[in-house]
Amino acid sequence: MKSSIVGRILEHAIDRAGAQAELDALVKPMGDQYTKVEDEYFRQPLAALSARLTEAVQTFTRGREISVKPALPQFRMPSVQFEVTVADGLAITRVDQQGHGFGVRY
């Protein structure tokens, strides 16, 4: 947790900005590929459906148009997290298992 002392130290000691920018760049091709599939399979059928729905609605009211389009999901790379462990002799445990109230991922 960012509110714990270890989390605050990590937030000040580690600059995630450069890494996050590169990780976010990995997601862009996924969005582009999604759009390509969307265009191939959904655009035309949804345009036809929109026209039929608009025609049906216009029998009851004027000046209204129905539009159905695919909604591109937001692809995001999760933020980088860190796992903090404590070595006590041969035993290595996560810091949250030490009973100090620290969170496991920061």
Protein backbone atom coordinates (compact mmCIF):
# COMPACT_ATOMS: atom_id res chain seq x y z
CA MET A 1 0.00 0.00 0.00
CA LYS A 2 1.18 3.47 -0.82
CA SER A 3 0.17 4.66 2.65
CA SER A 4 2.63 2.37 4.43
CA ILE A 5 6.15 3.55 5.14
CA VAL A 6 7.64 1.02 2.70
CA GLY A 7 5.19 2.10 0.02
CA ARG A 8 6.04 5.77 0.51
CA ILE A 9 9.76 5.02 0.35
CA LEU A 10 9.28 3.11 -2.89
CA GLU A 11 7.20 5.90 -4.41
CA HIS A 12 9.99 8.39 -3.71
CA ALA A 13 12.88 6.09 -4.63
CA ILE A 14 11.57 4.60 -7.88
CA ASP A 15 10.61 6.65 -10.94
CA ARG A 16 7.95 4.63 -12.75
CA ALA A 17 7.31 7.24 -15.47
CA GLY A 18 9.86 5.99 -18.01
CA ALA A 19 8.95 2.35 -17.60
CA GLN A 20 5.22 3.09 -17.60
CA ALA A 21 5.52 5.02 -20.87
CA GLU A 22 7.22 2.03 -22.50
CA LEU A 23 4.69 -0.41 -21.04
CA ASP A 24 1.82 1.77 -22.28
CA ALA A 25 3.37 1.70 -25.77
CA LEU A 26 3.01 -2.09 -25.73
CA VAL A 27 -0.76 -1.69 -25.52
CA LYS A 28 -1.15 0.54 -28.62
CA PRO A 29 -0.83 -2.27 -31.19
CA MET A 30 -3.55 -4.17 -29.35
CA GLY A 31 -5.95 -1.25 -29.80
CA ASP A 32 -5.03 -0.98 -33.48
CA GLN A 33 -5.63 -4.70 -34.02
CA TYR A 34 -8.94 -4.48 -32.16
CA THR A 35 -10.06 -1.64 -34.46
CA LYS A 36 -9.14 -3.71 -37.52
CA VAL A 37 -11.27 -6.65 -36.31
CA GLU A 38 -14.04 -4.25 -35.37
CA ASP A 39 -14.06 -2.75 -38.87
CA GLU A 40 -14.07 -6.17 -40.51
CA TYR A 41 -16.84 -7.78 -38.47
CA PHE A 42 -18.97 -5.14 -36.78
CA ARG A 43 -19.13 -1.82 -38.66
CA GLN A 44 -21.29 -2.88 -41.61
CA PRO A 45 -23.78 -5.05 -39.67
CA LEU A 46 -24.16 -2.34 -37.03
CA ALA A 47 -24.66 0.34 -39.68
CA ALA A 48 -27.43 -1.77 -41.23
CA LEU A 49 -28.97 -2.36 -37.80
CA SER A 50 -28.81 1.37 -37.07
CA ALA A 51 -30.67 2.12 -40.30
CA ARG A 52 -33.40 -0.45 -39.51
CA LEU A 53 -33.79 0.85 -35.95
CA THR A 54 -33.95 4.44 -37.17
CA GLU A 55 -36.62 3.48 -39.68
CA ALA A 56 -38.65 1.75 -36.94
CA VAL A 57 -38.34 4.70 -34.54
CA GLN A 58 -39.33 7.17 -37.24
CA THR A 59 -42.72 5.49 -37.55
CA PHE A 60 -43.43 6.86 -34.03
CA THR A 61 -41.47 10.11 -34.02
CA ARG A 62 -39.63 12.43 -36.40
CA GLY A 63 -36.10 13.74 -36.34
CA ARG A 64 -34.65 10.90 -34.29
CA GLU A 65 -31.88 8.66 -35.50
CA ILE A 66 -30.53 5.51 -33.87
CA SER A 67 -26.84 4.78 -34.11
CA VAL A 68 -25.21 1.57 -32.92
CA LYS A 69 -21.43 1.52 -33.02
CA PRO A 70 -18.82 -0.68 -31.40
CA ALA A 71 -17.29 0.84 -28.28
CA LEU A 72 -13.53 0.44 -28.19
CA PRO A 73 -12.52 -0.82 -24.76
CA GLN A 74 -9.77 1.05 -23.01
CA PHE A 75 -6.66 -1.08 -23.06
CA ARG A 76 -4.28 -0.16 -20.25
CA MET A 77 -1.17 -1.76 -18.91
CA PRO A 78 -1.40 -2.27 -15.15
CA SER A 79 1.03 -0.18 -13.15
CA VAL A 80 4.23 -1.84 -12.06
CA GLN A 81 4.05 -3.29 -8.58
CA PHE A 82 6.81 -4.36 -6.23
CA GLU A 83 6.89 -7.25 -3.80
CA VAL A 84 8.81 -6.65 -0.58
CA THR A 85 10.22 -9.64 1.29
CA VAL A 86 12.08 -10.07 4.56
CA ALA A 87 14.92 -12.59 4.94
CA ASP A 88 15.26 -13.97 8.45
CA GLY A 89 18.02 -16.54 8.29
CA LEU A 90 16.90 -19.12 5.77
CA ALA A 91 13.25 -18.05 5.92
CA ILE A 92 12.13 -15.52 3.33
CA THR A 93 8.63 -14.14 3.76
CA ARG A 94 6.62 -11.27 2.38
CA VAL A 95 6.67 -8.18 4.54
CA ASP A 96 2.91 -8.37 5.14
CA GLN A 97 3.45 -11.73 6.83
CA GLN A 98 5.79 -10.13 9.35
CA GLY A 99 2.92 -8.69 11.38
CA HIS A 100 3.97 -5.06 10.88
CA GLY A 101 0.89 -4.08 8.89
CA PHE A 102 2.75 -3.44 5.64
CA GLY A 103 1.02 -4.24 2.35
CA VAL A 104 2.54 -6.89 0.07
CA ARG A 105 2.53 -4.97 -3.21
CA TYR A 106 3.59 -1.37 -3.66
